[in-house]
PDB file of all heavy atoms in Angstrom:
ATOM      1  N   ASN A   1     -30.727 104.788 -87.820  1.00  0.00           N
ATOM      2  CA  ASN A   1     -30.575 103.390 -88.199  1.00  0.00           C
ATOM      3  C   ASN A   1     -31.812 102.933 -88.956  1.00  0.00           C
ATOM      4  O   ASN A   1     -32.934 103.124 -88.500  1.00  0.00           O
ATOM      5  CB  ASN A   1     -30.358 102.539 -86.944  1.00  0.00           C
ATOM      6  CG  ASN A   1     -30.150 101.072 -87.281  1.00  0.00           C
ATOM      7  OD1 ASN A   1     -31.109 100.345 -87.511  1.00  0.00           O
ATOM      8  ND2 ASN A   1     -28.895 100.645 -87.307  1.00  0.00           N
ATOM      9  N   TYR A   2     -31.596 102.305 -90.098  1.00  0.00           N
ATOM     10  CA  TYR A   2     -32.709 101.945 -90.986  1.00  0.00           C
ATOM     11  C   TYR A   2     -33.683 100.983 -90.314  1.00  0.00           C
ATOM     12  O   TYR A   2     -34.903 101.098 -90.472  1.00  0.00           O
ATOM     13  CB  TYR A   2     -32.136 101.332 -92.264  1.00  0.00           C
ATOM     14  CG  TYR A   2     -33.092 101.315 -93.429  1.00  0.00           C
ATOM     15  CD1 TYR A   2     -33.864 102.432 -93.746  1.00  0.00           C
ATOM     16  CD2 TYR A   2     -33.223 100.183 -94.225  1.00  0.00           C
ATOM     17  CE1 TYR A   2     -34.743 102.418 -94.817  1.00  0.00           C
ATOM     18  CE2 TYR A   2     -34.094 100.162 -95.310  1.00  0.00           C
ATOM     19  CZ  TYR A   2     -34.847 101.279 -95.595  1.00  0.00           C
ATOM     20  OH  TYR A   2     -35.710 101.265 -96.652  1.00  0.00           O
ATOM     21  N   ARG A   3     -33.141 100.035 -89.558  1.00  0.00           N
ATOM     22  CA  ARG A   3     -34.014  99.073 -88.874  1.00  0.00           C
ATOM     23  C   ARG A   3     -34.844  99.762 -87.798  1.00  0.00           C
ATOM     24  O   ARG A   3     -36.050  99.518 -87.676  1.00  0.00           O
ATOM     25  CB  ARG A   3     -33.178  97.951 -88.269  1.00  0.00           C
ATOM     26  CG  ARG A   3     -33.995  96.901 -87.535  1.00  0.00           C
ATOM     27  CD  ARG A   3     -33.115  95.758 -87.058  1.00  0.00           C
ATOM     28  NE  ARG A   3     -32.682  94.928 -88.184  1.00  0.00           N
ATOM     29  CZ  ARG A   3     -31.839  93.905 -88.036  1.00  0.00           C
ATOM     30  NH1 ARG A   3     -31.327  93.621 -86.856  1.00  0.00           N
ATOM     31  NH2 ARG A   3     -31.511  93.180 -89.081  1.00  0.00           N
ATOM     32  N   VAL A   4     -34.229 100.651 -87.054  1.00  0.00           N
ATOM     33  CA  VAL A   4     -34.954 101.393 -86.017  1.00  0.00           C
ATOM     34  C   VAL A   4     -36.020 102.286 -86.657  1.00  0.00           C
ATOM     35  O   VAL A   4     -37.153 102.398 -86.161  1.00  0.00           O
ATOM     36  CB  VAL A   4     -33.972 102.241 -85.173  1.00  0.00           C
ATOM     37  CG1 VAL A   4     -34.734 103.158 -84.221  1.00  0.00           C
ATOM     38  CG2 VAL A   4     -33.019 101.337 -84.403  1.00  0.00           C
ATOM     39  N   LEU A   5     -35.653 102.920 -87.768  1.00  0.00           N
ATOM     40  CA  LEU A   5     -36.579 103.797 -88.471  1.00  0.00           C
ATOM     41  C   LEU A   5     -37.823 103.029 -88.911  1.00  0.00           C
ATOM     42  O   LEU A   5     -38.955 103.460 -88.679  1.00  0.00           O
ATOM     43  CB  LEU A   5     -35.882 104.416 -89.682  1.00  0.00           C
ATOM     44  CG  LEU A   5     -36.740 105.254 -90.620  1.00  0.00           C
ATOM     45  CD1 LEU A   5     -37.294 106.473 -89.898  1.00  0.00           C
ATOM     46  CD2 LEU A   5     -35.932 105.672 -91.842  1.00  0.00           C
ATOM     47  N   ASN A   6     -37.614 101.878 -89.553  1.00  0.00           N
ATOM     48  CA  ASN A   6     -38.752 101.113 -90.047  1.00  0.00           C
ATOM     49  C   ASN A   6     -39.574 100.513 -88.920  1.00  0.00           C
ATOM     50  O   ASN A   6     -40.799 100.419 -89.024  1.00  0.00           O
ATOM     51  CB  ASN A   6     -38.260 100.014 -90.994  1.00  0.00           C
ATOM     52  CG  ASN A   6     -37.952 100.539 -92.382  1.00  0.00           C
ATOM     53  OD1 ASN A   6     -38.843 100.843 -93.161  1.00  0.00           O
ATOM     54  ND2 ASN A   6     -36.665 100.687 -92.684  1.00  0.00           N
ATOM     55  N   ALA A   7     -38.911 100.118 -87.835  1.00  0.00           N
ATOM     56  CA  ALA A   7     -39.645  99.607 -86.677  1.00  0.00           C
ATOM     57  C   ALA A   7     -40.529 100.710 -86.081  1.00  0.00           C
ATOM     58  O   ALA A   7     -41.673 100.459 -85.685  1.00  0.00           O
ATOM     59  CB  ALA A   7     -38.675  99.080 -85.626  1.00  0.00           C
ATOM     60  N   SER A   8     -40.011 101.926 -86.055  1.00  0.00           N
ATOM     61  CA  SER A   8     -40.778 103.057 -85.529  1.00  0.00           C
ATOM     62  C   SER A   8     -41.980 103.361 -86.418  1.00  0.00           C
ATOM     63  O   SER A   8     -43.085 103.624 -85.928  1.00  0.00           O
ATOM     64  CB  SER A   8     -39.889 104.300 -85.420  1.00  0.00           C
ATOM     65  OG  SER A   8     -38.784 104.059 -84.580  1.00  0.00           O
ATOM     66  N   VAL A   9     -41.760 103.312 -87.738  1.00  0.00           N
ATOM     67  CA  VAL A   9     -42.861 103.567 -88.672  1.00  0.00           C
ATOM     68  C   VAL A   9     -43.914 102.474 -88.558  1.00  0.00           C
ATOM     69  O   VAL A   9     -45.122 102.750 -88.564  1.00  0.00           O
ATOM     70  CB  VAL A   9     -42.331 103.657 -90.117  1.00  0.00           C
ATOM     71  CG1 VAL A   9     -43.485 103.717 -91.113  1.00  0.00           C
ATOM     72  CG2 VAL A   9     -41.445 104.871 -90.278  1.00  0.00           C
ATOM     73  N   LEU A  10     -43.456 101.232 -88.427  1.00  0.00           N
ATOM     74  CA  LEU A  10     -44.388 100.115 -88.271  1.00  0.00           C
ATOM     75  C   LEU A  10     -45.250 100.297 -87.022  1.00  0.00           C
ATOM     76  O   LEU A  10     -46.473 100.109 -87.057  1.00  0.00           O
ATOM     77  CB  LEU A  10     -43.609  98.803 -88.204  1.00  0.00           C
ATOM     78  CG  LEU A  10     -44.428  97.507 -88.190  1.00  0.00           C
ATOM     79  CD1 LEU A  10     -45.260  97.382 -89.462  1.00  0.00           C
ATOM     80  CD2 LEU A  10     -43.507  96.300 -88.049  1.00  0.00           C
ATOM     81  N   ALA A  11     -44.618 100.693 -85.931  1.00  0.00           N
ATOM     82  CA  ALA A  11     -45.356 100.938 -84.683  1.00  0.00           C
ATOM     83  C   ALA A  11     -46.361 102.079 -84.863  1.00  0.00           C
ATOM     84  O   ALA A  11     -47.495 102.015 -84.370  1.00  0.00           O
ATOM     85  CB  ALA A  11     -44.378 101.261 -83.559  1.00  0.00           C
ATOM     86  N   LEU A  12     -45.948 103.125 -85.604  1.00  0.00           N
ATOM     87  CA  LEU A  12     -46.843 104.255 -85.856  1.00  0.00           C
ATOM     88  C   LEU A  12     -48.056 103.824 -86.667  1.00  0.00           C
ATOM     89  O   LEU A  12     -49.195 104.218 -86.369  1.00  0.00           O
ATOM     90  CB  LEU A  12     -46.085 105.359 -86.597  1.00  0.00           C
ATOM     91  CG  LEU A  12     -46.929 106.545 -87.093  1.00  0.00           C
ATOM     92  CD1 LEU A  12     -47.547 107.291 -85.913  1.00  0.00           C
ATOM     93  CD2 LEU A  12     -46.088 107.483 -87.949  1.00  0.00           C
ATOM     94  N   LEU A  13     -47.844 103.010 -87.685  1.00  0.00           N
ATOM     95  CA  LEU A  13     -48.947 102.558 -88.535  1.00  0.00           C
ATOM     96  C   LEU A  13     -49.953 101.725 -87.743  1.00  0.00           C
ATOM     97  O   LEU A  13     -51.168 101.855 -87.918  1.00  0.00           O
ATOM     98  CB  LEU A  13     -48.408 101.759 -89.720  1.00  0.00           C
ATOM     99  CG  LEU A  13     -47.512 102.518 -90.691  1.00  0.00           C
ATOM    100  CD1 LEU A  13     -47.037 101.598 -91.802  1.00  0.00           C
ATOM    101  CD2 LEU A  13     -48.239 103.718 -91.279  1.00  0.00           C
ATOM    102  N   VAL A  14     -49.433 100.852 -86.903  1.00  0.00           N
ATOM    103  CA  VAL A  14     -50.310 100.036 -86.067  1.00  0.00           C
ATOM    104  C   VAL A  14     -51.083 100.922 -85.083  1.00  0.00           C
ATOM    105  O   VAL A  14     -52.290 100.749 -84.876  1.00  0.00           O
ATOM    106  CB  VAL A  14     -49.502  98.961 -85.309  1.00  0.00           C
ATOM    107  CG1 VAL A  14     -50.380  98.225 -84.300  1.00  0.00           C
ATOM    108  CG2 VAL A  14     -48.881  97.971 -86.289  1.00  0.00           C
ATOM    109  N   ALA A  15     -50.390 101.907 -84.510  1.00  0.00           N
ATOM    110  CA  ALA A  15     -51.038 102.824 -83.564  1.00  0.00           C
ATOM    111  C   ALA A  15     -52.137 103.631 -84.248  1.00  0.00           C
ATOM    112  O   ALA A  15     -53.222 103.834 -83.683  1.00  0.00           O
ATOM    113  CB  ALA A  15     -49.997 103.759 -82.945  1.00  0.00           C
ATOM    114  N   LEU A  16     -51.889 104.078 -85.472  1.00  0.00           N
ATOM    115  CA  LEU A  16     -52.906 104.830 -86.212  1.00  0.00           C
ATOM    116  C   LEU A  16     -54.116 103.953 -86.530  1.00  0.00           C
ATOM    117  O   LEU A  16     -55.265 104.414 -86.481  1.00  0.00           O
ATOM    118  CB  LEU A  16     -52.309 105.387 -87.503  1.00  0.00           C
ATOM    119  CG  LEU A  16     -51.379 106.585 -87.369  1.00  0.00           C
ATOM    120  CD1 LEU A  16     -50.732 106.921 -88.699  1.00  0.00           C
ATOM    121  CD2 LEU A  16     -52.132 107.800 -86.833  1.00  0.00           C
ATOM    122  N   SER A  17     -53.850 102.697 -86.857  1.00  0.00           N
ATOM    123  CA  SER A  17     -54.945 101.765 -87.124  1.00  0.00           C
ATOM    124  C   SER A  17     -55.839 101.631 -85.897  1.00  0.00           C
ATOM    125  O   SER A  17     -57.072 101.646 -85.996  1.00  0.00           O
ATOM    126  CB  SER A  17     -54.376 100.403 -87.531  1.00  0.00           C
ATOM    127  OG  SER A  17     -55.409  99.518 -87.914  1.00  0.00           O
ATOM    128  N   TRP A  18     -55.214 101.510 -84.736  1.00  0.00           N
ATOM    129  CA  TRP A  18     -55.955 101.428 -83.476  1.00  0.00           C
ATOM    130  C   TRP A  18     -56.708 102.742 -83.212  1.00  0.00           C
ATOM    131  O   TRP A  18     -57.874 102.736 -82.809  1.00  0.00           O
ATOM    132  CB  TRP A  18     -54.998 101.108 -82.343  1.00  0.00           C
ATOM    133  CG  TRP A  18     -55.639 101.225 -80.977  1.00  0.00           C
ATOM    134  CD1 TRP A  18     -55.674 102.307 -80.154  1.00  0.00           C
ATOM    135  CD2 TRP A  18     -56.379 100.197 -80.314  1.00  0.00           C
ATOM    136  NE1 TRP A  18     -56.370 102.025 -79.018  1.00  0.00           N
ATOM    137  CE2 TRP A  18     -56.822 100.750 -79.069  1.00  0.00           C
ATOM    138  CE3 TRP A  18     -56.700  98.881 -80.614  1.00  0.00           C
ATOM    139  CZ2 TRP A  18     -57.564 100.015 -78.162  1.00  0.00           C
ATOM    140  CZ3 TRP A  18     -57.442  98.144 -79.704  1.00  0.00           C
ATOM    141  CH2 TRP A  18     -57.867  98.700 -78.498  1.00  0.00           C
ATOM    142  N   LEU A  19     -56.038 103.864 -83.470  1.00  0.00           N
ATOM    143  CA  LEU A  19     -56.641 105.168 -83.217  1.00  0.00           C
ATOM    144  C   LEU A  19     -57.858 105.399 -84.112  1.00  0.00           C
ATOM    145  O   LEU A  19     -58.889 105.916 -83.663  1.00  0.00           O
ATOM    146  CB  LEU A  19     -55.605 106.270 -83.465  1.00  0.00           C
ATOM    147  CG  LEU A  19     -56.061 107.717 -83.233  1.00  0.00           C
ATOM    148  CD1 LEU A  19     -56.407 107.941 -81.758  1.00  0.00           C
ATOM    149  CD2 LEU A  19     -54.981 108.695 -83.678  1.00  0.00           C
ATOM    150  N   PHE A  20     -57.766 104.997 -85.369  1.00  0.00           N
ATOM    151  CA  PHE A  20     -58.868 105.210 -86.303  1.00  0.00           C
ATOM    152  C   PHE A  20     -60.073 104.318 -86.000  1.00  0.00           C
ATOM    153  O   PHE A  20     -61.203 104.777 -86.012  1.00  0.00           O
ATOM    154  CB  PHE A  20     -58.406 104.950 -87.742  1.00  0.00           C
ATOM    155  CG  PHE A  20     -57.470 105.990 -88.295  1.00  0.00           C
ATOM    156  CD1 PHE A  20     -56.448 105.622 -89.157  1.00  0.00           C
ATOM    157  CD2 PHE A  20     -57.605 107.326 -87.959  1.00  0.00           C
ATOM    158  CE1 PHE A  20     -55.581 106.570 -89.686  1.00  0.00           C
ATOM    159  CE2 PHE A  20     -56.745 108.291 -88.469  1.00  0.00           C
ATOM    160  CZ  PHE A  20     -55.732 107.904 -89.334  1.00  0.00           C
ATOM    161  N   ASP A  21     -59.814 103.029 -85.740  1.00  0.00           N
ATOM    162  CA  ASP A  21     -60.933 102.085 -85.654  1.00  0.00           C
ATOM    163  C   ASP A  21     -60.780 101.004 -84.593  1.00  0.00           C
ATOM    164  O   ASP A  21     -61.503  99.995 -84.644  1.00  0.00           O
ATOM    165  CB  ASP A  21     -61.146 101.424 -87.024  1.00  0.00           C
ATOM    166  CG  ASP A  21     -61.757 102.378 -88.029  1.00  0.00           C
ATOM    167  OD1 ASP A  21     -62.884 102.840 -87.811  1.00  0.00           O
ATOM    168  OD2 ASP A  21     -61.090 102.688 -89.033  1.00  0.00           O
ATOM    169  N   GLY A  22     -59.845 101.174 -83.661  1.00  0.00           N
ATOM    170  CA  GLY A  22     -59.736 100.246 -82.551  1.00  0.00           C
ATOM    171  C   GLY A  22     -59.397  98.826 -82.986  1.00  0.00           C
ATOM    172  O   GLY A  22     -58.658  98.601 -83.956  1.00  0.00           O
ATOM    173  N   LEU A  23     -59.983  97.851 -82.309  1.00  0.00           N
ATOM    174  CA  LEU A  23     -59.674  96.446 -82.546  1.00  0.00           C
ATOM    175  C   LEU A  23     -60.075  95.998 -83.946  1.00  0.00           C
ATOM    176  O   LEU A  23     -59.364  95.206 -84.583  1.00  0.00           O
ATOM    177  CB  LEU A  23     -60.382  95.585 -81.495  1.00  0.00           C
ATOM    178  CG  LEU A  23     -59.829  94.177 -81.272  1.00  0.00           C
ATOM    179  CD1 LEU A  23     -58.359  94.214 -80.908  1.00  0.00           C
ATOM    180  CD2 LEU A  23     -60.640  93.465 -80.196  1.00  0.00           C
ATOM    181  N   LEU A  24     -61.205  96.514 -84.450  1.00  0.00           N
ATOM    182  CA  LEU A  24     -61.635  96.159 -85.800  1.00  0.00           C
ATOM    183  C   LEU A  24     -60.631  96.631 -86.841  1.00  0.00           C
ATOM    184  O   LEU A  24     -60.343  95.926 -87.811  1.00  0.00           O
ATOM    185  CB  LEU A  24     -63.003  96.778 -86.093  1.00  0.00           C
ATOM    186  CG  LEU A  24     -64.245  95.967 -85.707  1.00  0.00           C
ATOM    187  CD1 LEU A  24     -65.500  96.731 -86.073  1.00  0.00           C
ATOM    188  CD2 LEU A  24     -64.232  94.597 -86.362  1.00  0.00           C
ATOM    189  N   GLY A  25     -60.108  97.825 -86.629  1.00  0.00           N
ATOM    190  CA  GLY A  25     -59.102  98.346 -87.551  1.00  0.00           C
ATOM    191  C   GLY A  25     -57.855  97.477 -87.562  1.00  0.00           C
ATOM    192  O   GLY A  25     -57.308  97.171 -88.626  1.00  0.00           O
ATOM    193  N   LEU A  26     -57.404  97.064 -86.391  1.00  0.00           N
ATOM    194  CA  LEU A  26     -56.227  96.190 -86.300  1.00  0.00           C
ATOM    195  C   LEU A  26     -56.491  94.843 -86.953  1.00  0.00           C
ATOM    196  O   LEU A  26     -55.600  94.245 -87.567  1.00  0.00           O
ATOM    197  CB  LEU A  26     -55.838  95.991 -84.838  1.00  0.00           C
ATOM    198  CG  LEU A  26     -55.211  97.196 -84.131  1.00  0.00           C
ATOM    199  CD1 LEU A  26     -54.928  96.848 -82.670  1.00  0.00           C
ATOM    200  CD2 LEU A  26     -53.918  97.623 -84.827  1.00  0.00           C
ATOM    201  N   LEU A  27     -57.720  94.350 -86.831  1.00  0.00           N
ATOM    202  CA  LEU A  27     -58.080  93.070 -87.441  1.00  0.00           C
ATOM    203  C   LEU A  27     -57.987  93.157 -88.962  1.00  0.00           C
ATOM    204  O   LEU A  27     -57.419  92.267 -89.616  1.00  0.00           O
ATOM    205  CB  LEU A  27     -59.508  92.688 -87.019  1.00  0.00           C
ATOM    206  CG  LEU A  27     -60.024  91.345 -87.532  1.00  0.00           C
ATOM    207  CD1 LEU A  27     -59.184  90.201 -86.966  1.00  0.00           C
ATOM    208  CD2 LEU A  27     -61.487  91.151 -87.157  1.00  0.00           C
ATOM    209  N   VAL A  28     -58.521  94.232 -89.541  1.00  0.00           N
ATOM    210  CA  VAL A  28     -58.456  94.411 -90.994  1.00  0.00           C
ATOM    211  C   VAL A  28     -57.006  94.612 -91.433  1.00  0.00           C
ATOM    212  O   VAL A  28     -56.565  94.046 -92.446  1.00  0.00           O
ATOM    213  CB  VAL A  28     -59.321  95.606 -91.436  1.00  0.00           C
ATOM    214  CG1 VAL A  28     -59.134  95.886 -92.925  1.00  0.00           C
ATOM    215  CG2 VAL A  28     -60.787  95.336 -91.132  1.00  0.00           C
ATOM    216  N   LEU A  29     -56.247  95.397 -90.688  1.00  0.00           N
ATOM    217  CA  LEU A  29     -54.833  95.620 -91.000  1.00  0.00           C
ATOM    218  C   LEU A  29     -54.067  94.301 -91.012  1.00  0.00           C
ATOM    219  O   LEU A  29     -53.251  94.048 -91.910  1.00  0.00           O
ATOM    220  CB  LEU A  29     -54.214  96.577 -89.982  1.00  0.00           C
ATOM    221  CG  LEU A  29     -52.747  96.943 -90.204  1.00  0.00           C
ATOM    222  CD1 LEU A  29     -52.595  97.860 -91.407  1.00  0.00           C
ATOM    223  CD2 LEU A  29     -52.161  97.609 -88.957  1.00  0.00           C
ATOM    224  N   THR A  30     -54.344  93.439 -90.044  1.00  0.00           N
ATOM    225  CA  THR A  30     -53.668  92.135 -89.969  1.00  0.00           C
ATOM    226  C   THR A  30     -54.038  91.257 -91.153  1.00  0.00           C
ATOM    227  O   THR A  30     -53.175  90.639 -91.792  1.00  0.00           O
ATOM    228  CB  THR A  30     -54.034  91.427 -88.655  1.00  0.00           C
ATOM    229  OG1 THR A  30     -53.660  92.251 -87.545  1.00  0.00           O
ATOM    230  CG2 THR A  30     -53.327  90.087 -88.549  1.00  0.00           C
ATOM    231  N   GLY A  31     -55.331  91.201 -91.468  1.00  0.00           N
ATOM    232  CA  GLY A  31     -55.768  90.388 -92.602  1.00  0.00           C
ATOM    233  C   GLY A  31     -55.174  90.875 -93.911  1.00  0.00           C
ATOM    234  O   GLY A  31     -54.715  90.076 -94.738  1.00  0.00           O
ATOM    235  N   ALA A  32     -55.151  92.189 -94.103  1.00  0.00           N
ATOM    236  CA  ALA A  32     -54.584  92.751 -95.329  1.00  0.00           C
ATOM    237  C   ALA A  32     -53.083  92.466 -95.415  1.00  0.00           C
ATOM    238  O   ALA A  32     -52.557  92.152 -96.487  1.00  0.00           O
ATOM    239  CB  ALA A  32     -54.844  94.253 -95.378  1.00  0.00           C
ATOM    240  N   SER A  33     -52.402  92.552 -94.293  1.00  0.00           N
ATOM    241  CA  SER A  33     -50.955  92.280 -94.271  1.00  0.00           C
ATOM    242  C   SER A  33     -50.677  90.831 -94.640  1.00  0.00           C
ATOM    243  O   SER A  33     -49.721  90.529 -95.366  1.00  0.00           O
ATOM    244  CB  SER A  33     -50.380  92.583 -92.883  1.00  0.00           C
ATOM    245  OG  SER A  33     -50.579  93.932 -92.536  1.00  0.00           O
ATOM    246  N   MET A  34     -51.522  89.920 -94.174  1.00  0.00           N
ATOM    247  CA  MET A  34     -51.341  88.495 -94.485  1.00  0.00           C
ATOM    248  C   MET A  34     -51.499  88.246 -95.982  1.00  0.00           C
ATOM    249  O   MET A  34     -50.726  87.492 -96.582  1.00  0.00           O
ATOM    250  CB  MET A  34     -52.348  87.663 -93.686  1.00  0.00           C
ATOM    251  CG  MET A  34     -52.067  87.639 -92.195  1.00  0.00           C
ATOM    252  SD  MET A  34     -53.384  86.850 -91.223  1.00  0.00           S
ATOM    253  CE  MET A  34     -53.243  85.158 -91.818  1.00  0.00           C
ATOM    254  N   VAL A  35     -52.488  88.896 -96.604  1.00  0.00           N
ATOM    255  CA  VAL A  35     -52.672  88.739 -98.052  1.00  0.00           C
ATOM    256  C   VAL A  35     -51.492  89.354 -98.804  1.00  0.00           C
ATOM    257  O   VAL A  35     -50.993  88.785 -99.784  1.00  0.00           O
ATOM    258  CB  VAL A  35     -53.996  89.391 -98.505  1.00  0.00           C
ATOM    259  CG1 VAL A  35     -54.135  89.323-100.025  1.00  0.00           C
ATOM    260  CG2 VAL A  35     -55.188  88.711 -97.841  1.00  0.00           C
ATOM    261  N   GLY A  36     -51.019  90.507 -98.344  1.00  0.00           N
ATOM    262  CA  GLY A  36     -49.854  91.135 -98.968  1.00  0.00           C
ATOM    263  C   GLY A  36     -48.614  90.266 -98.879  1.00  0.00           C
ATOM    264  O   GLY A  36     -47.857  90.123 -99.848  1.00  0.00           O
ATOM    265  N   PHE A  37     -48.392  89.660 -97.700  1.00  0.00           N
ATOM    266  CA  PHE A  37     -47.265  88.745 -97.528  1.00  0.00           C
ATOM    267  C   PHE A  37     -47.410  87.519 -98.427  1.00  0.00           C
ATOM    268  O   PHE A  37     -46.428  87.033 -98.990  1.00  0.00           O
ATOM    269  CB  PHE A  37     -47.158  88.290 -96.070  1.00  0.00           C
ATOM    270  CG  PHE A  37     -46.425  89.261 -95.183  1.00  0.00           C
ATOM    271  CD1 PHE A  37     -47.076  89.852 -94.106  1.00  0.00           C
ATOM    272  CD2 PHE A  37     -45.096  89.576 -95.408  1.00  0.00           C
ATOM    273  CE1 PHE A  37     -46.408  90.750 -93.280  1.00  0.00           C
ATOM    274  CE2 PHE A  37     -44.425  90.471 -94.590  1.00  0.00           C
ATOM    275  CZ  PHE A  37     -45.089  91.057 -93.522  1.00  0.00           C
ATOM    276  N   LEU A  38     -48.634  87.018 -98.557  1.00  0.00           N
ATOM    277  CA  LEU A  38     -48.875  85.839 -99.387  1.00  0.00           C
ATOM    278  C   LEU A  38     -48.512  86.116-100.835  1.00  0.00           C
ATOM    279  O   LEU A  38     -47.845  85.298-101.489  1.00  0.00           O
ATOM    280  CB  LEU A  38     -50.351  85.428 -99.274  1.00  0.00           C
ATOM    281  CG  LEU A  38     -50.743  84.147-100.011  1.00  0.00           C
ATOM    282  CD1 LEU A  38     -50.021  82.943 -99.406  1.00  0.00           C
ATOM    283  CD2 LEU A  38     -52.260  83.940 -99.950  1.00  0.00           C
ATOM    284  N   ALA A  39     -48.926  87.264-101.348  1.00  0.00           N
ATOM    285  CA  ALA A  39     -48.580  87.634-102.725  1.00  0.00           C
ATOM    286  C   ALA A  39     -47.070  87.718-102.894  1.00  0.00           C
ATOM    287  O   ALA A  39     -46.504  87.284-103.900  1.00  0.00           O
ATOM    288  CB  ALA A  39     -49.234  88.969-103.079  1.00  0.00           C
ATOM    289  N   GLN A  40     -46.416  88.266-101.888  1.00  0.00           N
ATOM    290  CA  GLN A  40     -44.958  88.412-101.921  1.00  0.00           C
ATOM    291  C   GLN A  40     -44.279  87.060-101.937  1.00  0.00           C
ATOM    292  O   GLN A  40     -43.342  86.822-102.715  1.00  0.00           O
ATOM    293  CB  GLN A  40     -44.537  89.214-100.681  1.00  0.00           C
ATOM    294  CG  GLN A  40     -43.097  89.651-100.655  1.00  0.00           C
ATOM    295  CD  GLN A  40     -42.848  90.638 -99.526  1.00  0.00           C
ATOM    296  OE1 GLN A  40     -43.143  91.812 -99.636  1.00  0.00           O
ATOM    297  NE2 GLN A  40     -42.324  90.153 -98.411  1.00  0.00           N
TER     298      GLN A  40
END
């Protein structure tokens, strides 16, 4: 299912962000996502 697939990938990306740099990584990921959404 496409929705399940993308939800799983989204969870993986967030998990990798945490794995690479912990809370700081998630903070940067969130800020970047907000700017990306704003452009959209």
